[in-house]
C-alpha atoms as a PDB file:
ATOM      1  CA  MET A   1      97.983  76.181  63.923  1.00  0.00           C
ATOM      2  CA  GLN A   2      98.572  77.516  67.465  1.00  0.00           C
ATOM      3  CA  ALA A   3     100.471  81.012  68.096  1.00  0.00           C
ATOM      4  CA  SER A   4     103.813  80.616  69.633  1.00  0.00           C
ATOM      5  CA  ARG A   5     103.757  84.108  71.085  1.00  0.00           C
ATOM      6  CA  ILE A   6     101.120  86.683  71.410  1.00  0.00           C
ATOM      7  CA  LEU A   7     101.915  89.954  73.571  1.00  0.00           C
ATOM      8  CA  PRO A   8      99.494  89.979  76.484  1.00  0.00           C
ATOM      9  CA  ASP A   9      96.889  92.678  77.101  1.00  0.00           C
ATOM     10  CA  LEU A  10      97.020  94.553  80.541  1.00  0.00           C
ATOM     11  CA  GLN A  11      93.496  93.887  82.175  1.00  0.00           C
ATOM     12  CA  CYS A  12      94.357  96.282  85.114  1.00  0.00           C
ATOM     13  CA  SER A  13      97.005  98.160  87.094  1.00  0.00           C
ATOM     14  CA  VAL A  14      96.165  99.702  90.486  1.00  0.00           C
ATOM     15  CA  LEU A  15      98.164 101.474  92.930  1.00  0.00           C
ATOM     16  CA  CYS A  16      97.511 100.343  96.565  1.00  0.00           C
ATOM     17  CA  GLU A  17      98.595  99.978 100.153  1.00  0.00           C
ATOM     18  CA  ASP A  18      98.644  96.074 100.168  1.00  0.00           C
ATOM     19  CA  VAL A  19      97.509  93.175  98.330  1.00  0.00           C
ATOM     20  CA  ARG A  20      96.183  89.992 100.076  1.00  0.00           C
ATOM     21  CA  GLN A  21      95.175  86.634  98.669  1.00  0.00           C
ATOM     22  CA  GLU A  22      92.287  84.775  99.839  1.00  0.00           C
ATOM     23  CA  VAL A  23      92.047  81.021 100.352  1.00  0.00           C
ATOM     24  CA  THR A  24      90.010  80.795  97.138  1.00  0.00           C
ATOM     25  CA  GLY A  25      92.907  82.366  95.114  1.00  0.00           C
ATOM     26  CA  ASN A  26      91.118  85.695  94.690  1.00  0.00           C
ATOM     27  CA  PHE A  27      93.082  88.846  95.378  1.00  0.00           C
ATOM     28  CA  ILE A  28      92.144  91.809  97.547  1.00  0.00           C
ATOM     29  CA  ALA A  29      93.481  95.254  96.876  1.00  0.00           C
ATOM     30  CA  LEU A  30      93.619  97.214 100.186  1.00  0.00           C
ATOM     31  CA  GLY A  31      93.725 101.071 100.252  1.00  0.00           C
ATOM     32  CA  ILE A  32      93.477 101.879  96.519  1.00  0.00           C
ATOM     33  CA  ILE A  33      95.336 105.076  95.931  1.00  0.00           C
ATOM     34  CA  GLY A  34      94.548 107.903  93.521  1.00  0.00           C
ATOM     35  CA  ALA A  35      96.546 110.561  95.276  1.00  0.00           C
ATOM     36  CA  ILE A  36      98.888 110.705  98.209  1.00  0.00           C
ATOM     37  CA  ARG A  37      97.873 113.379 100.568  1.00  0.00           C
ATOM     38  CA  VAL A  38     100.135 114.312 103.335  1.00  0.00           C
ATOM     39  CA  PRO A  39     100.662 117.056 105.964  1.00  0.00           C
ATOM     40  CA  LYS A  40     104.144 117.760 105.131  1.00  0.00           C
ATOM     41  CA  LEU A  41     106.957 116.576 102.963  1.00  0.00           C
ATOM     42  CA  PRO A  42     109.487 115.034 102.808  1.00  0.00           C
ATOM     43  CA  ILE A  43     107.964 111.763 103.844  1.00  0.00           C
ATOM     44  CA  VAL A  44     108.454 107.952 103.595  1.00  0.00           C
ATOM     45  CA  ALA A  45     105.699 105.626 102.373  1.00  0.00           C
ATOM     46  CA  GLY A  46     106.336 102.441 104.224  1.00  0.00           C
ATOM     47  CA  LYS A  47     104.705 100.200 101.342  1.00  0.00           C
ATOM     48  CA  LEU A  48     103.225 100.880  98.003  1.00  0.00           C
ATOM     49  CA  CYS A  49     102.108  97.966  95.840  1.00  0.00           C
ATOM     50  CA  VAL A  50     101.333  98.108  92.148  1.00  0.00           C
ATOM     51  CA  PHE A  51      98.796  95.261  91.150  1.00  0.00           C
ATOM     52  CA  THR A  52      98.718  94.042  87.603  1.00  0.00           C
ATOM     53  CA  ARG A  53      96.665  91.436  85.808  1.00  0.00           C
ATOM     54  CA  TRP A  54      97.796  90.305  82.390  1.00  0.00           C
ATOM     55  CA  VAL A  55      95.421  88.472  79.894  1.00  0.00           C
ATOM     56  CA  ALA A  56      95.157  87.135  76.247  1.00  0.00           C
ATOM     57  CA  GLY A  57      98.613  86.323  75.713  1.00  0.00           C
ATOM     58  CA  VAL A  58     100.897  83.366  75.014  1.00  0.00           C
ATOM     59  CA  GLY A  59     104.594  83.181  75.850  1.00  0.00           C
ATOM     60  CA  GLU A  60     107.029  84.360  78.394  1.00  0.00           C
ATOM     61  CA  PHE A  61     107.226  87.828  79.326  1.00  0.00           C
ATOM     62  CA  HIS A  62     109.005  90.540  81.152  1.00  0.00           C
ATOM     63  CA  GLU A  63     107.126  93.209  83.145  1.00  0.00           C
ATOM     64  CA  ASN A  64     108.748  96.396  84.289  1.00  0.00           C
ATOM     65  CA  ILE A  65     106.843  98.804  86.776  1.00  0.00           C
ATOM     66  CA  ARG A  66     108.383 102.089  87.520  1.00  0.00           C
ATOM     67  CA  LEU A  67     107.602 104.938  89.695  1.00  0.00           C
ATOM     68  CA  ILE A  68     108.694 108.275  87.925  1.00  0.00           C
ATOM     69  CA  ALA A  69     109.510 111.604  89.661  1.00  0.00           C
ATOM     70  CA  PRO A  70     107.636 114.770  88.647  1.00  0.00           C
ATOM     71  CA  ASP A  71     110.441 115.611  86.362  1.00  0.00           C
ATOM     72  CA  GLN A  72     109.198 112.591  84.157  1.00  0.00           C
ATOM     73  CA  GLU A  73     112.919 111.416  83.847  1.00  0.00           C
ATOM     74  CA  THR A  74     113.996 110.155  87.268  1.00  0.00           C
ATOM     75  CA  VAL A  75     113.055 106.560  87.973  1.00  0.00           C
ATOM     76  CA  MET A  76     112.634 106.483  91.703  1.00  0.00           C
ATOM     77  CA  ARG A  77     111.772 102.874  92.131  1.00  0.00           C
ATOM     78  CA  LYS A  78     111.418 100.072  89.591  1.00  0.00           C
ATOM     79  CA  CYS A  79     110.346  96.344  90.066  1.00  0.00           C
ATOM     80  CA  GLU A  80     110.913  93.795  87.124  1.00  0.00           C
ATOM     81  CA  THR A  81     109.040  90.483  86.935  1.00  0.00           C
ATOM     82  CA  LYS A  82     109.109  87.591  84.579  1.00  0.00           C
ATOM     83  CA  PHE A  83     105.954  85.746  84.035  1.00  0.00           C
ATOM     84  CA  ALA A  84     104.321  83.290  81.533  1.00  0.00           C
ATOM     85  CA  LEU A  85     100.964  82.667  79.864  1.00  0.00           C
ATOM     86  CA  ARG A  86     100.498  79.324  78.269  1.00  0.00           C
ATOM     87  CA  ASP A  87      97.072  79.783  76.795  1.00  0.00           C
ATOM     88  CA  PRO A  88      95.230  83.005  75.919  1.00  0.00           C
ATOM     89  CA  ALA A  89      92.343  82.150  78.406  1.00  0.00           C
ATOM     90  CA  HIS A  90      94.946  82.066  81.212  1.00  0.00           C
ATOM     91  CA  CYS A  91      95.901  85.320  83.186  1.00  0.00           C
ATOM     92  CA  ALA A  92      98.822  86.295  85.182  1.00  0.00           C
ATOM     93  CA  THR A  93      98.691  88.352  88.415  1.00  0.00           C
ATOM     94  CA  ASN A  94     101.721  90.358  89.643  1.00  0.00           C
ATOM     95  CA  VAL A  95     102.279  92.574  92.505  1.00  0.00           C
ATOM     96  CA  ALA A  96     105.297  95.036  92.544  1.00  0.00           C
ATOM     97  CA  VAL A  97     106.174  96.035  96.178  1.00  0.00           C
ATOM     98  CA  PHE A  98     107.977  99.456  96.761  1.00  0.00           C
ATOM     99  CA  ALA A  99     108.938  99.576 100.400  1.00  0.00           C
ATOM    100  CA  GLY A 100     110.467 102.738 101.815  1.00  0.00           C
ATOM    101  CA  THR A 101     109.650 105.105  99.150  1.00  0.00           C
ATOM    102  CA  GLN A 102     110.686 108.775  99.892  1.00  0.00           C
ATOM    103  CA  PHE A 103     108.787 111.480  98.449  1.00  0.00           C
ATOM    104  CA  GLU A 104     110.772 114.858  98.801  1.00  0.00           C
ATOM    105  CA  ALA A 105     108.508 117.255  96.890  1.00  0.00           C
ATOM    106  CA  PRO A 106     104.838 117.569  95.877  1.00  0.00           C
ATOM    107  CA  GLY A 107     104.014 116.955  92.227  1.00  0.00           C
ATOM    108  CA  VAL A 108     102.628 114.600  89.776  1.00  0.00           C
ATOM    109  CA  TYR A 109     104.365 111.302  90.003  1.00  0.00           C
ATOM    110  CA  THR A 110     103.701 108.650  87.362  1.00  0.00           C
ATOM    111  CA  ILE A 111     103.442 104.845  87.227  1.00  0.00           C
ATOM    112  CA  GLU A 112     104.458 103.183  84.085  1.00  0.00           C
ATOM    113  CA  VAL A 113     103.637  99.596  83.204  1.00  0.00           C
ATOM    114  CA  VAL A 114     105.824  98.048  80.536  1.00  0.00           C
ATOM    115  CA  VAL A 115     105.865  94.633  79.035  1.00  0.00           C
ATOM    116  CA  ASP A 116     108.910  93.507  76.889  1.00  0.00           C
ATOM    117  CA  GLU A 117     109.809  96.996  76.281  1.00  0.00           C
ATOM    118  CA  VAL A 118     106.171  98.121  75.116  1.00  0.00           C
ATOM    119  CA  MET A 119     104.440 100.664  77.199  1.00  0.00           C
ATOM    120  CA  LYS A 120     101.082  99.447  78.099  1.00  0.00           C
ATOM    121  CA  LEU A 121      99.847 102.051  80.664  1.00  0.00           C
ATOM    122  CA  ARG A 122     101.030 105.355  82.369  1.00  0.00           C
ATOM    123  CA  TYR A 123      99.014 106.929  85.044  1.00  0.00           C
ATOM    124  CA  PRO A 124      99.445 110.024  87.401  1.00  0.00           C
ATOM    125  CA  ILE A 125      99.902 109.858  91.137  1.00  0.00           C
ATOM    126  CA  PRO A 126      99.640 113.408  92.549  1.00  0.00           C
ATOM    127  CA  VAL A 127     101.555 113.807  95.881  1.00  0.00           C
ATOM    128  CA  VAL A 128     100.004 116.891  97.572  1.00  0.00           C
ATOM    129  CA  ILE A 129     100.245 118.608 100.880  1.00  0.00           C
ATOM    130  CA  VAL A 130      97.007 119.126 102.772  1.00  0.00           C
ATOM    131  CA  GLU A 131      96.258 120.986 105.978  1.00  0.00           C
ATOM    132  CA  PRO A 132      95.129 118.816 108.851  1.00  0.00           C
ATOM    133  CA  PRO A 133      91.480 119.022 109.509  1.00  0.00           C
ATOM    134  CA  SER A 134      90.299 122.064 111.609  1.00  0.00           C
ATOM    135  CA  GLY A 135      90.209 121.165 115.278  1.00  0.00           C
ATOM    136  CA  ALA A 136      93.012 118.517 114.939  1.00  0.00           C
ATOM    137  CA  LYS A 137      95.440 118.828 117.639  1.00  0.00           C
ATOM    138  CA  LYS A 138      99.212 119.219 117.099  1.00  0.00           C
ATOM    139  CA  PRO A 139     101.170 116.840 119.041  1.00  0.00           C
ATOM    140  CA  VAL A 140     102.758 118.401 122.065  1.00  0.00           C
ATOM    141  CA  GLY A 141     106.416 119.066 121.593  1.00  0.00           C
ATOM    142  CA  GLU A 142     106.397 118.406 117.826  1.00  0.00           C
ATOM    143  CA  ASP A 143     109.772 119.377 116.349  1.00  0.00           C
ATOM    144  CA  THR A 144     109.416 120.531 112.789  1.00  0.00           C
ATOM    145  CA  HIS A 145     113.075 119.610 112.127  1.00  0.00           C
ATOM    146  CA  ALA A 146     112.529 116.089 113.474  1.00  0.00           C
ATOM    147  CA  PRO A 147     113.184 112.865 111.381  1.00  0.00           C
ATOM    148  CA  LYS A 148     110.710 112.272 108.633  1.00  0.00           C
ATOM    149  CA  GLU A 149     107.421 110.480 109.343  1.00  0.00           C
ATOM    150  CA  ASN A 150     106.123 107.348 107.610  1.00  0.00           C
ATOM    151  CA  ILE A 151     102.833 107.128 105.755  1.00  0.00           C
END
């Protein structure tokens, strides 16, 4: 007897700058992010991607990727995706894209990966202010009150 529904396992989840797919079908995660280091805040991240791969499941599923603020309550961004696995030997790859995400304050932000209301993974993404390397020149005429920069 074949199972009609098996909740899938999360093989991986990676926060990165971009995801590309080769002609062979293989994926390339570019700029894997473990922390966001910036010279000042607030700042806008032009593009953030969360790459997920689901395996060993059968059925139709609903994935929810959330970026949570340091207060651990505020959902800053979310992306919902439906996907299906017809056989436990198959896999499903999803990419959530968060464009124009604004970070107002330093702290530990969190990525949550949920499938069908079941939390599969939570991981921290620290946002920290770092000093520019010694010897780095400040742009001439830089206005500290100018519009926010993009990363």
